[in-house]
Protein backbone atom coordinates (compact mmCIF):
# COMPACT_ATOMS: atom_id res chain seq x y z
CA MET A 1 114.97 -2.02 76.32
CA ASP A 2 115.44 -5.18 78.42
CA ASN A 3 117.15 -3.13 81.08
CA TYR A 4 114.08 -0.91 81.38
CA LYS A 5 111.90 -3.92 81.65
CA GLN A 6 113.97 -5.42 84.33
CA LEU A 7 114.18 -2.06 86.20
CA LEU A 8 110.41 -1.51 85.94
CA THR A 9 109.74 -5.13 87.33
CA GLU A 10 112.21 -4.44 90.21
CA TYR A 11 110.51 -1.15 91.11
CA TYR A 12 106.96 -2.67 91.01
CA LYS A 13 108.08 -5.37 93.45
CA LYS A 14 110.26 -3.10 95.63
CA TYR A 15 107.92 -0.12 95.93
CA LEU A 16 104.43 -1.49 95.21
CA ASN A 17 105.09 -5.12 96.46
CA ARG A 18 103.44 -6.61 93.39
CA GLU A 19 103.96 -7.67 89.88
CA PRO A 20 103.56 -5.02 87.23
CA ASP A 21 100.08 -4.60 85.56
CA LYS A 22 100.10 -4.49 81.82
CA GLU A 23 98.82 -0.96 81.31
CA GLY A 24 101.11 0.71 83.94
CA PHE A 25 104.13 -1.34 82.76
CA SER A 26 103.58 -0.26 79.14
CA HIS A 27 103.06 3.38 80.14
CA TYR A 28 106.28 3.58 82.12
CA LEU A 29 108.23 1.63 79.61
CA SER A 30 107.20 4.03 76.87
CA LEU A 31 108.29 7.12 79.03
CA LEU A 32 111.60 5.49 79.65
CA GLU A 33 112.17 4.61 76.13
CA ARG A 34 111.33 8.14 74.90
CA GLY A 35 113.67 9.66 77.50
CA VAL A 36 110.74 11.40 79.40
CA LEU A 37 111.74 9.51 82.51
CA ASN A 38 115.19 8.38 83.85
CA GLU A 39 115.82 5.99 86.76
CA GLU A 40 115.65 8.69 89.28
CA LYS A 41 112.42 10.22 88.02
CA LEU A 42 110.86 6.81 87.72
CA LYS A 43 111.70 6.11 91.33
CA ASN A 44 110.04 9.39 92.32
CA GLU A 45 106.93 8.31 90.31
CA PHE A 46 106.72 5.12 92.32
CA ILE A 47 107.38 6.62 95.81
CA ASN A 48 105.02 9.56 95.30
CA SER A 49 102.18 7.22 93.96
CA PRO A 50 99.08 6.87 96.07
CA GLU A 51 99.50 3.07 95.95
CA TYR A 52 102.94 3.26 97.54
CA LYS A 53 101.85 5.81 100.20
CA THR A 54 98.92 3.52 101.08
CA ASN A 55 101.17 0.57 101.36
CA GLN A 56 103.54 2.40 103.65
CA GLN A 57 100.72 3.51 105.89
CA ASN A 58 99.43 -0.09 106.12
CA HIS A 59 102.90 -1.36 106.84
CA GLU A 60 103.53 1.17 109.60
CA PHE A 61 100.03 0.44 111.06
CA SER A 62 100.64 -3.40 111.06
CA ASN A 63 104.03 -2.72 112.74
CA GLU A 64 102.36 -0.61 115.40
CA ILE A 65 99.89 -3.47 116.11
CA THR A 66 102.77 -5.99 116.34
CA VAL A 67 104.72 -3.77 118.69
CA HIS A 68 101.80 -3.11 121.03
CA ARG A 69 100.78 -6.75 121.42
């Protein structure tokens, strides 16, 4: 269980660039513990989330502004 908590915290920071929220963390932890998600499926959940996609677009946009200055 602690490994799942560590993995989730890592993914929130890596893919969403933030600390986990209580509700989302509990939701994903439950799915991992019940075997509904594995590490690969969890990663896909994060990289296909609207929050991740928005973060990526914002990051790309800020890089374009920096390059064009």
